[in-house]
Amino acid sequence: MLLVAVTVRSKILVIAGVVIIALVAGSSYLYLTNEQGGMYFVVDVVGERFTMLVVNPEAIKSALDNMNGLNNMHPIGVIDFGNGGFNAPWNWHYKPETVEMTDISTEVCDAEPHFVQENLDYWVNTVKYYCPWSARIISASQSIPTQATLSKTAMTPLLIELPTLRLRLRTSGLKDTKSGFGRYTARFIAAPRE
């Protein structure tokens, strides 16, 4: 009985020591990676979602910051054919070792996921990179996300009248599966007042 208590206590001390070392070293996140040394992230691009596997520790930290609203970065990386075993139902995926988070990227690699899917040969063979500017990380996991995490809600139109301009606001309610709170994205479409 005493031996078991010492072993459990030793494990707790080791874990506490690792936490203290990480904090002293300046790491703002302690996260567990999967067997590939990475994390899966669900990315929302204007209501469409895809999954990426990130193995670069700096990119993992930036993606977690993005998920927590601490930056406005978006992912960029080389894409390839097939879902990679984690990006179903899409027939493309990021090559995990190439994924980074960035503030700035060229417009040629910006698109919505369905556009990449519809023009897959062009994207994989010509553009090669994918960098959706409006991407937001909505969840992180050590395992491949479930289909429920990837589901999206329908867009709900809302009309806002201003004296000189009419804006049509389309909101997409995204439910955070962990907390149950909703996040919302919006697209503004300007139209002349009639």
N, C-alpha and C. Protein backbone atom coordinates (compact mmCIF):
# COMPACT_ATOMS: atom_id res chain seq x y z
N MET A 1 0.83 -1.19 0.00
CA MET A 1 0.00 0.00 0.00
C MET A 1 0.87 1.25 0.00
N LEU A 2 1.90 1.25 0.82
CA LEU A 2 2.81 2.39 0.89
C LEU A 2 3.57 2.55 -0.42
N LEU A 3 3.96 1.44 -1.07
CA LEU A 3 4.67 1.48 -2.34
C LEU A 3 3.81 2.09 -3.43
N VAL A 4 2.52 1.74 -3.48
CA VAL A 4 1.59 2.31 -4.47
C VAL A 4 1.45 3.81 -4.25
N ALA A 5 1.32 4.25 -3.02
CA ALA A 5 1.18 5.68 -2.72
C ALA A 5 2.43 6.44 -3.15
N VAL A 6 3.60 5.87 -2.96
CA VAL A 6 4.84 6.53 -3.35
C VAL A 6 4.92 6.62 -4.87
N THR A 7 4.52 5.56 -5.59
CA THR A 7 4.55 5.55 -7.05
C THR A 7 3.61 6.60 -7.62
N VAL A 8 2.39 6.67 -7.12
CA VAL A 8 1.43 7.67 -7.58
C VAL A 8 1.95 9.07 -7.27
N ARG A 9 2.49 9.24 -6.08
CA ARG A 9 3.03 10.54 -5.69
C ARG A 9 4.21 10.92 -6.59
N SER A 10 5.05 9.96 -6.94
CA SER A 10 6.18 10.22 -7.83
C SER A 10 5.71 10.67 -9.20
N LYS A 11 4.66 10.02 -9.72
CA LYS A 11 4.12 10.41 -11.02
C LYS A 11 3.58 11.83 -10.98
N ILE A 12 2.90 12.16 -9.92
CA ILE A 12 2.36 13.52 -9.78
C ILE A 12 3.50 14.53 -9.73
N LEU A 13 4.56 14.22 -9.01
CA LEU A 13 5.71 15.13 -8.94
C LEU A 13 6.39 15.29 -10.29
N VAL A 14 6.49 14.21 -11.06
CA VAL A 14 7.09 14.28 -12.40
C VAL A 14 6.24 15.16 -13.30
N ILE A 15 4.93 14.96 -13.29
CA ILE A 15 4.03 15.78 -14.11
C ILE A 15 4.11 17.25 -13.69
N ALA A 16 4.13 17.51 -12.39
CA ALA A 16 4.25 18.89 -11.90
C ALA A 16 5.58 19.49 -12.35
N GLY A 17 6.63 18.70 -12.33
CA GLY A 17 7.94 19.18 -12.77
C GLY A 17 7.94 19.55 -14.24
N VAL A 18 7.31 18.73 -15.07
CA VAL A 18 7.22 19.02 -16.51
C VAL A 18 6.45 20.31 -16.74
N VAL A 19 5.35 20.51 -16.02
CA VAL A 19 4.55 21.74 -16.16
C VAL A 19 5.39 22.95 -15.77
N ILE A 20 6.12 22.87 -14.68
CA ILE A 20 6.95 24.00 -14.23
C ILE A 20 8.05 24.30 -15.25
N ILE A 21 8.71 23.27 -15.76
CA ILE A 21 9.76 23.48 -16.77
C ILE A 21 9.18 24.13 -18.02
N ALA A 22 8.01 23.68 -18.46
CA ALA A 22 7.39 24.25 -19.65
C ALA A 22 7.04 25.71 -19.43
N LEU A 23 6.53 26.04 -18.25
CA LEU A 23 6.17 27.43 -17.96
C LEU A 23 7.41 28.32 -17.87
N VAL A 24 8.47 27.81 -17.26
CA VAL A 24 9.71 28.57 -17.16
C VAL A 24 10.32 28.78 -18.54
N ALA A 25 10.19 27.78 -19.41
CA ALA A 25 10.75 27.87 -20.76
C ALA A 25 9.94 28.82 -21.64
N GLY A 26 8.80 29.27 -21.18
CA GLY A 26 8.01 30.26 -21.92
C GLY A 26 6.93 29.66 -22.79
N SER A 27 6.64 28.39 -22.68
CA SER A 27 5.59 27.77 -23.48
C SER A 27 4.24 28.17 -22.90
N SER A 28 3.36 28.70 -23.76
CA SER A 28 2.04 29.08 -23.27
C SER A 28 1.04 27.95 -23.38
N TYR A 29 1.42 26.85 -24.04
CA TYR A 29 0.53 25.71 -24.18
C TYR A 29 1.25 24.42 -23.83
N LEU A 30 0.56 23.58 -23.14
CA LEU A 30 0.97 22.20 -22.98
C LEU A 30 -0.10 21.40 -23.69
N TYR A 31 0.26 20.66 -24.70
CA TYR A 31 -0.71 19.89 -25.44
C TYR A 31 -0.15 18.51 -25.72
N LEU A 32 -1.03 17.56 -25.88
CA LEU A 32 -0.64 16.20 -26.20
C LEU A 32 -0.81 15.99 -27.69
N THR A 33 0.18 15.37 -28.31
CA THR A 33 0.08 15.07 -29.74
C THR A 33 -0.31 13.61 -29.91
N ASN A 34 -0.71 13.26 -31.12
CA ASN A 34 -1.06 11.87 -31.41
C ASN A 34 0.20 11.09 -31.76
N GLU A 35 0.02 9.84 -32.18
CA GLU A 35 1.16 8.98 -32.48
C GLU A 35 2.03 9.51 -33.62
N GLN A 36 1.49 10.38 -34.48
CA GLN A 36 2.26 10.97 -35.56
C GLN A 36 2.97 12.25 -35.10
N GLY A 37 2.82 12.60 -33.83
CA GLY A 37 3.46 13.80 -33.32
C GLY A 37 2.73 15.07 -33.68
N GLY A 38 1.46 14.98 -34.01
CA GLY A 38 0.71 16.16 -34.42
C GLY A 38 -0.65 16.25 -33.77
N MET A 39 -1.43 17.21 -34.25
CA MET A 39 -2.80 17.41 -33.78
C MET A 39 -3.70 17.62 -34.99
N TYR A 40 -4.95 17.16 -34.85
CA TYR A 40 -5.96 17.39 -35.88
C TYR A 40 -6.71 18.67 -35.54
N PHE A 41 -6.97 19.47 -36.56
CA PHE A 41 -7.72 20.71 -36.39
C PHE A 41 -8.87 20.74 -37.38
N VAL A 42 -10.06 21.11 -36.91
CA VAL A 42 -11.19 21.35 -37.80
C VAL A 42 -11.16 22.83 -38.14
N VAL A 43 -11.19 23.12 -39.45
CA VAL A 43 -11.09 24.48 -39.96
C VAL A 43 -12.41 24.85 -40.62
N ASP A 44 -12.95 26.01 -40.29
CA ASP A 44 -14.16 26.52 -40.92
C ASP A 44 -13.79 27.62 -41.89
N VAL A 45 -14.28 27.50 -43.13
CA VAL A 45 -14.08 28.53 -44.16
C VAL A 45 -15.46 28.91 -44.66
N VAL A 46 -15.98 30.00 -44.17
CA VAL A 46 -17.30 30.53 -44.55
C VAL A 46 -18.37 29.43 -44.55
N GLY A 47 -18.42 28.65 -43.47
CA GLY A 47 -19.45 27.63 -43.32
C GLY A 47 -19.08 26.25 -43.84
N GLU A 48 -17.98 26.13 -44.57
CA GLU A 48 -17.51 24.83 -45.03
C GLU A 48 -16.35 24.41 -44.14
N ARG A 49 -16.30 23.13 -43.80
CA ARG A 49 -15.28 22.65 -42.86
C ARG A 49 -14.42 21.55 -43.46
N PHE A 50 -13.16 21.55 -43.05
CA PHE A 50 -12.26 20.48 -43.41
C PHE A 50 -11.34 20.20 -42.22
N THR A 51 -10.64 19.08 -42.28
CA THR A 51 -9.73 18.68 -41.20
C THR A 51 -8.30 18.70 -41.71
N MET A 52 -7.41 19.21 -40.88
CA MET A 52 -5.98 19.17 -41.23
C MET A 52 -5.21 18.56 -40.06
N LEU A 53 -4.14 17.85 -40.40
CA LEU A 53 -3.23 17.30 -39.41
C LEU A 53 -1.99 18.18 -39.44
N VAL A 54 -1.61 18.73 -38.29
CA VAL A 54 -0.46 19.62 -38.18
C VAL A 54 0.59 18.94 -37.30
N VAL A 55 1.84 18.90 -37.79
CA VAL A 55 2.91 18.26 -37.02
C VAL A 55 3.99 19.25 -36.57
N ASN A 56 4.05 20.42 -37.16
CA ASN A 56 5.02 21.44 -36.79
C ASN A 56 4.61 22.08 -35.46
N PRO A 57 5.46 22.00 -34.41
CA PRO A 57 5.08 22.54 -33.09
C PRO A 57 4.71 24.03 -33.11
N GLU A 58 5.39 24.85 -33.90
CA GLU A 58 5.04 26.28 -33.98
C GLU A 58 3.68 26.47 -34.63
N ALA A 59 3.40 25.67 -35.67
CA ALA A 59 2.09 25.75 -36.33
C ALA A 59 0.98 25.27 -35.41
N ILE A 60 1.26 24.24 -34.61
CA ILE A 60 0.26 23.75 -33.63
C ILE A 60 -0.07 24.86 -32.64
N LYS A 61 0.95 25.53 -32.12
CA LYS A 61 0.72 26.62 -31.17
C LYS A 61 -0.08 27.75 -31.81
N SER A 62 0.28 28.14 -33.04
CA SER A 62 -0.44 29.21 -33.73
C SER A 62 -1.89 28.81 -34.02
N ALA A 63 -2.12 27.53 -34.37
CA ALA A 63 -3.48 27.06 -34.62
C ALA A 63 -4.31 27.08 -33.34
N LEU A 64 -3.70 26.67 -32.23
CA LEU A 64 -4.40 26.74 -30.94
C LEU A 64 -4.70 28.18 -30.56
N ASP A 65 -3.76 29.08 -30.81
CA ASP A 65 -4.00 30.51 -30.56
C ASP A 65 -5.18 31.00 -31.40
N ASN A 66 -5.23 30.60 -32.67
CA ASN A 66 -6.32 31.00 -33.55
C ASN A 66 -7.64 30.48 -33.02
N MET A 67 -7.67 29.24 -32.59
CA MET A 67 -8.89 28.65 -32.04
C MET A 67 -9.38 29.42 -30.81
N ASN A 68 -8.44 29.96 -30.04
CA ASN A 68 -8.78 30.70 -28.83
C ASN A 68 -8.92 32.20 -29.07
N GLY A 69 -8.93 32.62 -30.33
CA GLY A 69 -9.14 34.02 -30.68
C GLY A 69 -7.96 34.93 -30.42
N LEU A 70 -6.75 34.38 -30.34
CA LEU A 70 -5.57 35.18 -30.02
C LEU A 70 -4.80 35.64 -31.26
N ASN A 71 -5.18 35.17 -32.45
CA ASN A 71 -4.56 35.67 -33.68
C ASN A 71 -5.55 35.53 -34.83
N ASN A 72 -5.23 36.15 -35.95
CA ASN A 72 -6.08 36.07 -37.15
C ASN A 72 -5.36 35.35 -38.27
N MET A 73 -4.48 34.44 -37.92
CA MET A 73 -3.72 33.71 -38.93
C MET A 73 -4.61 32.70 -39.64
N HIS A 74 -4.15 32.26 -40.81
CA HIS A 74 -4.85 31.21 -41.55
C HIS A 74 -3.83 30.15 -41.98
N PRO A 75 -4.32 28.91 -42.23
CA PRO A 75 -3.38 27.86 -42.61
C PRO A 75 -2.91 27.99 -44.05
N ILE A 76 -1.72 27.49 -44.30
CA ILE A 76 -1.17 27.39 -45.65
C ILE A 76 -0.35 26.11 -45.69
N GLY A 77 -0.44 25.42 -46.80
CA GLY A 77 0.33 24.19 -46.95
C GLY A 77 0.11 23.58 -48.32
N VAL A 78 0.93 22.58 -48.62
CA VAL A 78 0.83 21.86 -49.88
C VAL A 78 -0.33 20.88 -49.78
N ILE A 79 -1.16 20.81 -50.82
CA ILE A 79 -2.27 19.86 -50.81
C ILE A 79 -1.96 18.71 -51.77
N ASP A 80 -2.63 17.58 -51.52
CA ASP A 80 -2.43 16.39 -52.33
C ASP A 80 -3.77 15.68 -52.53
N PHE A 81 -3.78 14.73 -53.46
CA PHE A 81 -4.98 13.95 -53.75
C PHE A 81 -5.31 13.02 -52.59
N GLY A 82 -6.59 12.70 -52.44
CA GLY A 82 -7.06 11.79 -51.40
C GLY A 82 -7.32 12.54 -50.12
N ASN A 83 -8.06 11.90 -49.21
CA ASN A 83 -8.39 12.59 -47.96
C ASN A 83 -7.31 12.43 -46.90
N GLY A 84 -6.23 11.69 -47.20
CA GLY A 84 -5.13 11.52 -46.26
C GLY A 84 -5.48 10.67 -45.05
N GLY A 85 -6.68 10.10 -45.05
CA GLY A 85 -7.12 9.32 -43.90
C GLY A 85 -7.78 10.15 -42.82
N PHE A 86 -7.89 11.48 -43.04
CA PHE A 86 -8.46 12.34 -42.00
C PHE A 86 -9.33 13.47 -42.53
N ASN A 87 -9.35 13.73 -43.83
CA ASN A 87 -10.09 14.88 -44.35
C ASN A 87 -11.33 14.48 -45.14
N ALA A 88 -12.01 13.42 -44.72
CA ALA A 88 -13.27 13.02 -45.37
C ALA A 88 -14.32 14.08 -45.05
N PRO A 89 -15.20 14.39 -45.95
CA PRO A 89 -15.51 13.74 -47.21
C PRO A 89 -14.74 14.32 -48.41
N TRP A 90 -13.82 15.22 -48.18
CA TRP A 90 -13.08 15.84 -49.29
C TRP A 90 -12.09 14.84 -49.90
N ASN A 91 -11.79 15.02 -51.18
CA ASN A 91 -10.82 14.17 -51.89
C ASN A 91 -9.46 14.83 -51.99
N TRP A 92 -9.14 15.69 -51.03
CA TRP A 92 -7.83 16.35 -50.96
C TRP A 92 -7.47 16.53 -49.49
N HIS A 93 -6.22 16.79 -49.23
CA HIS A 93 -5.77 17.02 -47.86
C HIS A 93 -4.46 17.81 -47.88
N TYR A 94 -4.19 18.49 -46.77
CA TYR A 94 -2.88 19.11 -46.59
C TYR A 94 -1.86 18.00 -46.31
N LYS A 95 -0.65 18.13 -46.85
CA LYS A 95 0.44 17.27 -46.43
C LYS A 95 0.86 17.77 -45.06
N PRO A 96 0.70 16.96 -44.00
CA PRO A 96 0.89 17.43 -42.62
C PRO A 96 2.21 18.14 -42.35
N GLU A 97 3.29 17.68 -42.94
CA GLU A 97 4.61 18.29 -42.68
C GLU A 97 4.77 19.66 -43.32
N THR A 98 3.83 20.07 -44.18
CA THR A 98 3.94 21.38 -44.85
C THR A 98 3.03 22.44 -44.24
N VAL A 99 2.12 22.06 -43.34
CA VAL A 99 1.13 23.01 -42.82
C VAL A 99 1.77 24.01 -41.87
N GLU A 100 1.50 25.28 -42.13
CA GLU A 100 1.93 26.38 -41.27
C GLU A 100 0.74 27.31 -41.08
N MET A 101 0.86 28.22 -40.14
CA MET A 101 -0.14 29.27 -39.96
C MET A 101 0.54 30.58 -40.35
N THR A 102 -0.17 31.44 -41.09
CA THR A 102 0.43 32.66 -41.58
C THR A 102 -0.54 33.84 -41.49
N ASP A 103 0.02 35.04 -41.48
CA ASP A 103 -0.79 36.25 -41.51
C ASP A 103 -1.05 36.70 -42.95
N ILE A 104 -0.11 36.40 -43.84
CA ILE A 104 -0.16 36.90 -45.21
C ILE A 104 0.14 35.77 -46.18
N SER A 105 -0.62 35.72 -47.27
CA SER A 105 -0.35 34.76 -48.34
C SER A 105 -0.89 35.33 -49.64
N THR A 106 -0.44 34.77 -50.73
CA THR A 106 -0.87 35.24 -52.04
C THR A 106 -2.32 34.85 -52.32
N GLU A 107 -3.00 35.66 -53.08
CA GLU A 107 -4.42 35.43 -53.35
C GLU A 107 -4.68 34.18 -54.19
N VAL A 108 -3.71 33.76 -54.95
CA VAL A 108 -3.91 32.62 -55.86
C VAL A 108 -4.25 31.33 -55.11
N CYS A 109 -3.83 31.21 -53.86
CA CYS A 109 -4.11 29.97 -53.12
C CYS A 109 -5.32 30.11 -52.18
N ASP A 110 -6.05 31.21 -52.26
CA ASP A 110 -7.22 31.44 -51.42
C ASP A 110 -8.48 30.95 -52.14
N ALA A 111 -9.27 30.12 -51.47
CA ALA A 111 -10.53 29.63 -52.04
C ALA A 111 -11.31 28.93 -50.94
N GLU A 112 -12.56 28.63 -51.24
CA GLU A 112 -13.38 27.82 -50.33
C GLU A 112 -13.10 26.35 -50.64
N PRO A 113 -13.26 25.48 -49.66
CA PRO A 113 -12.95 24.06 -49.86
C PRO A 113 -13.65 23.41 -51.06
N HIS A 114 -14.92 23.76 -51.31
CA HIS A 114 -15.62 23.14 -52.43
C HIS A 114 -15.00 23.51 -53.77
N PHE A 115 -14.42 24.70 -53.87
CA PHE A 115 -13.78 25.13 -55.11
C PHE A 115 -12.53 24.29 -55.37
N VAL A 116 -11.78 24.00 -54.31
CA VAL A 116 -10.61 23.12 -54.44
C VAL A 116 -11.08 21.75 -54.90
N GLN A 117 -12.14 21.23 -54.29
CA GLN A 117 -12.68 19.92 -54.64
C GLN A 117 -13.11 19.86 -56.11
N GLU A 118 -13.79 20.90 -56.57
CA GLU A 118 -14.31 20.93 -57.94
C GLU A 118 -13.22 21.08 -58.99
N ASN A 119 -12.06 21.61 -58.61
CA ASN A 119 -10.95 21.86 -59.54
C ASN A 119 -9.68 21.20 -59.02
N LEU A 120 -9.80 19.98 -58.56
CA LEU A 120 -8.73 19.32 -57.82
C LEU A 120 -7.42 19.18 -58.61
N ASP A 121 -7.50 18.76 -59.87
CA ASP A 121 -6.26 18.62 -60.66
C ASP A 121 -5.52 19.94 -60.74
N TYR A 122 -6.24 21.03 -60.99
CA TYR A 122 -5.63 22.35 -61.07
C TYR A 122 -4.95 22.74 -59.75
N TRP A 123 -5.66 22.52 -58.64
CA TRP A 123 -5.12 22.91 -57.34
C TRP A 123 -3.90 22.09 -56.95
N VAL A 124 -3.94 20.78 -57.15
CA VAL A 124 -2.82 19.92 -56.74
C VAL A 124 -1.63 20.08 -57.68
N ASN A 125 -1.87 20.14 -58.99
CA ASN A 125 -0.77 20.16 -59.96
C ASN A 125 -0.26 21.54 -60.34
N THR A 126 -1.09 22.57 -60.24
CA THR A 126 -0.68 23.92 -60.65
C THR A 126 -0.47 24.85 -59.46
N VAL A 127 -1.51 25.05 -58.67
CA VAL A 127 -1.42 25.97 -57.53
C VAL A 127 -0.55 25.36 -56.43
N LYS A 128 -0.77 24.09 -56.15
CA LYS A 128 -0.03 23.29 -55.16
C LYS A 128 -0.31 23.65 -53.70
N TYR A 129 -0.47 24.92 -53.38
CA TYR A 129 -0.72 25.36 -52.01
C TYR A 129 -2.19 25.74 -51.84
N TYR A 130 -2.66 25.64 -50.60
CA TYR A 130 -4.01 26.09 -50.26
C TYR A 130 -3.90 26.98 -49.03
N CYS A 131 -4.48 28.19 -49.11
CA CYS A 131 -4.37 29.16 -48.02
C CYS A 131 -5.67 29.96 -47.86
N PRO A 132 -6.71 29.35 -47.33
CA PRO A 132 -8.00 30.04 -47.21
C PRO A 132 -7.93 31.20 -46.21
N TRP A 133 -8.03 32.43 -46.72
CA TRP A 133 -7.88 33.62 -45.89
C TRP A 133 -8.93 33.72 -44.79
N SER A 134 -10.14 33.27 -45.04
CA SER A 134 -11.21 33.41 -44.04
C SER A 134 -11.29 32.20 -43.11
N ALA A 135 -10.28 31.36 -43.11
CA ALA A 135 -10.27 30.16 -42.27
C ALA A 135 -10.16 30.50 -40.80
N ARG A 136 -10.89 29.75 -39.99
CA ARG A 136 -10.82 29.85 -38.53
C ARG A 136 -10.79 28.45 -37.95
N ILE A 137 -9.89 28.21 -37.03
CA ILE A 137 -9.81 26.92 -36.36
C ILE A 137 -10.95 26.85 -35.35
N ILE A 138 -11.76 25.79 -35.42
CA ILE A 138 -12.90 25.70 -34.50
C ILE A 138 -12.76 24.58 -33.48
N SER A 139 -11.86 23.62 -33.72
CA SER A 139 -11.63 22.58 -32.72
C SER A 139 -10.28 21.91 -32.95
N ALA A 140 -9.75 21.31 -31.90
CA ALA A 140 -8.47 20.60 -31.95
C ALA A 140 -8.63 19.27 -31.25
N SER A 141 -7.91 18.26 -31.73
CA SER A 141 -8.04 16.93 -31.16
C SER A 141 -6.80 16.09 -31.45
N GLN A 142 -6.57 15.10 -30.60
CA GLN A 142 -5.50 14.13 -30.86
C GLN A 142 -5.95 13.06 -31.84
N SER A 143 -7.25 12.90 -32.00
CA SER A 143 -7.78 11.88 -32.91
C SER A 143 -8.58 12.55 -34.02
N ILE A 144 -8.87 11.79 -35.05
CA ILE A 144 -9.61 12.32 -36.20
C ILE A 144 -10.99 12.76 -35.74
N PRO A 145 -11.39 14.00 -36.05
CA PRO A 145 -12.70 14.51 -35.63
C PRO A 145 -13.85 13.68 -36.21
N THR A 146 -14.95 13.65 -35.47
CA THR A 146 -16.14 12.93 -35.91
C THR A 146 -16.91 13.74 -36.94
N GLN A 147 -17.81 13.10 -37.63
CA GLN A 147 -18.63 13.78 -38.63
C GLN A 147 -19.49 14.87 -37.98
N ALA A 148 -19.90 14.69 -36.73
CA ALA A 148 -20.72 15.69 -36.03
C ALA A 148 -19.95 17.00 -35.89
N THR A 149 -18.65 16.93 -35.64
CA THR A 149 -17.84 18.13 -35.51
C THR A 149 -17.75 18.87 -36.83
N LEU A 150 -17.80 18.10 -37.92
CA LEU A 150 -17.65 18.70 -39.24
C LEU A 150 -18.94 19.24 -39.82
N SER A 151 -20.10 18.92 -39.22
CA SER A 151 -21.36 19.36 -39.79
C SER A 151 -21.49 20.87 -39.68
N LYS A 152 -22.21 21.44 -40.61
CA LYS A 152 -22.40 22.89 -40.60
C LYS A 152 -23.89 23.20 -40.57
N THR A 153 -24.20 24.40 -40.16
CA THR A 153 -25.60 24.81 -40.14
C THR A 153 -25.91 25.66 -41.36
N ALA A 154 -27.15 25.75 -41.68
CA ALA A 154 -27.57 26.52 -42.85
C ALA A 154 -27.38 28.01 -42.64
N MET A 155 -27.15 28.70 -43.73
CA MET A 155 -26.99 30.15 -43.69
C MET A 155 -28.37 30.79 -43.52
N THR A 156 -28.46 31.78 -42.65
CA THR A 156 -29.71 32.48 -42.39
C THR A 156 -29.57 33.94 -42.83
N PRO A 157 -30.32 34.36 -43.85
CA PRO A 157 -30.18 35.75 -44.30
C PRO A 157 -30.85 36.73 -43.33
N LEU A 158 -30.27 37.92 -43.23
CA LEU A 158 -30.78 38.96 -42.36
C LEU A 158 -30.54 40.28 -43.10
N LEU A 159 -31.52 41.15 -43.15
CA LEU A 159 -31.39 42.40 -43.88
C LEU A 159 -31.22 43.55 -42.91
N ILE A 160 -30.20 44.39 -43.16
CA ILE A 160 -29.94 45.57 -42.33
C ILE A 160 -30.06 46.81 -43.21
N GLU A 161 -30.90 47.75 -42.83
CA GLU A 161 -31.09 48.99 -43.60
C GLU A 161 -30.25 50.11 -43.02
N LEU A 162 -29.48 50.77 -43.84
CA LEU A 162 -28.73 51.96 -43.47
C LEU A 162 -29.17 53.09 -44.39
N PRO A 163 -28.97 54.37 -44.01
CA PRO A 163 -29.48 55.47 -44.82
C PRO A 163 -29.02 55.44 -46.28
N THR A 164 -27.75 55.11 -46.55
CA THR A 164 -27.27 55.16 -47.93
C THR A 164 -26.90 53.82 -48.51
N LEU A 165 -26.97 52.79 -47.71
CA LEU A 165 -26.53 51.49 -48.17
C LEU A 165 -27.34 50.39 -47.53
N ARG A 166 -27.67 49.39 -48.29
CA ARG A 166 -28.37 48.23 -47.75
C ARG A 166 -27.39 47.06 -47.72
N LEU A 167 -27.27 46.44 -46.58
CA LEU A 167 -26.37 45.30 -46.44
C LEU A 167 -27.17 44.04 -46.17
N ARG A 168 -26.83 42.99 -46.84
CA ARG A 168 -27.44 41.70 -46.56
C ARG A 168 -26.42 40.91 -45.75
N LEU A 169 -26.79 40.54 -44.57
CA LEU A 169 -25.90 39.83 -43.66
C LEU A 169 -26.29 38.36 -43.65
N ARG A 170 -25.32 37.51 -43.97
CA ARG A 170 -25.56 36.08 -43.94
C ARG A 170 -24.74 35.52 -42.79
N THR A 171 -25.41 34.93 -41.83
CA THR A 171 -24.70 34.39 -40.68
C THR A 171 -24.71 32.87 -40.74
N SER A 172 -23.66 32.31 -40.25
CA SER A 172 -23.55 30.87 -40.17
C SER A 172 -23.30 30.52 -38.71
N GLY A 173 -24.25 29.90 -38.05
CA GLY A 173 -24.08 29.53 -36.66
C GLY A 173 -23.25 28.27 -36.55
N LEU A 174 -22.16 28.35 -35.84
CA LEU A 174 -21.27 27.21 -35.67
C LEU A 174 -21.25 26.84 -34.20
N LYS A 175 -21.67 25.65 -33.88
CA LYS A 175 -21.73 25.25 -32.48
C LYS A 175 -20.42 24.61 -32.07
N ASP A 176 -19.84 25.13 -31.02
CA ASP A 176 -18.63 24.55 -30.44
C ASP A 176 -19.06 23.31 -29.68
N THR A 177 -18.60 22.13 -30.14
CA THR A 177 -19.07 20.89 -29.56
C THR A 177 -18.60 20.67 -28.13
N LYS A 178 -17.52 21.32 -27.72
CA LYS A 178 -17.02 21.14 -26.36
C LYS A 178 -17.77 22.01 -25.36
N SER A 179 -17.96 23.29 -25.66
CA SER A 179 -18.56 24.18 -24.68
C SER A 179 -20.06 24.37 -24.88
N GLY A 180 -20.54 24.12 -26.11
CA GLY A 180 -21.96 24.32 -26.38
C GLY A 180 -22.29 25.76 -26.75
N PHE A 181 -21.31 26.64 -26.72
CA PHE A 181 -21.54 28.02 -27.09
C PHE A 181 -21.47 28.14 -28.61
N GLY A 182 -22.16 29.13 -29.16
CA GLY A 182 -22.15 29.33 -30.60
C GLY A 182 -21.13 30.39 -31.00
N ARG A 183 -20.52 30.18 -32.15
CA ARG A 183 -19.67 31.19 -32.78
C ARG A 183 -20.34 31.56 -34.09
N TYR A 184 -20.20 32.77 -34.52
CA TYR A 184 -20.86 33.17 -35.74
C TYR A 184 -19.90 33.87 -36.68
N THR A 185 -20.02 33.53 -37.96
CA THR A 185 -19.26 34.23 -38.98
C THR A 185 -20.27 35.01 -39.81
N ALA A 186 -19.83 36.05 -40.45
CA ALA A 186 -20.76 36.85 -41.22
C ALA A 186 -20.11 37.27 -42.53
N ARG A 187 -20.93 37.37 -43.57
CA ARG A 187 -20.49 37.87 -44.85
C ARG A 187 -21.37 39.08 -45.19
N PHE A 188 -20.76 40.18 -45.58
CA PHE A 188 -21.52 41.36 -45.94
C PHE A 188 -21.52 41.51 -47.45
N ILE A 189 -22.71 41.68 -48.00
CA ILE A 189 -22.84 41.88 -49.44
C ILE A 189 -23.47 43.24 -49.64
N ALA A 190 -22.69 44.17 -50.18
CA ALA A 190 -23.18 45.53 -50.35
C ALA A 190 -24.06 45.59 -51.61
N ALA A 191 -25.16 46.32 -51.50
CA ALA A 191 -26.07 46.52 -52.63
C ALA A 191 -26.57 47.95 -52.57
N PRO A 192 -26.70 48.60 -53.73
CA PRO A 192 -27.22 49.98 -53.72
C PRO A 192 -28.62 50.02 -53.13
N ARG A 193 -28.91 51.08 -52.40
CA ARG A 193 -30.25 51.24 -51.83
C ARG A 193 -31.24 51.51 -52.94
N GLU A 194 -32.36 50.84 -52.87
CA GLU A 194 -33.39 50.98 -53.92
C GLU A 194 -34.30 52.14 -53.65
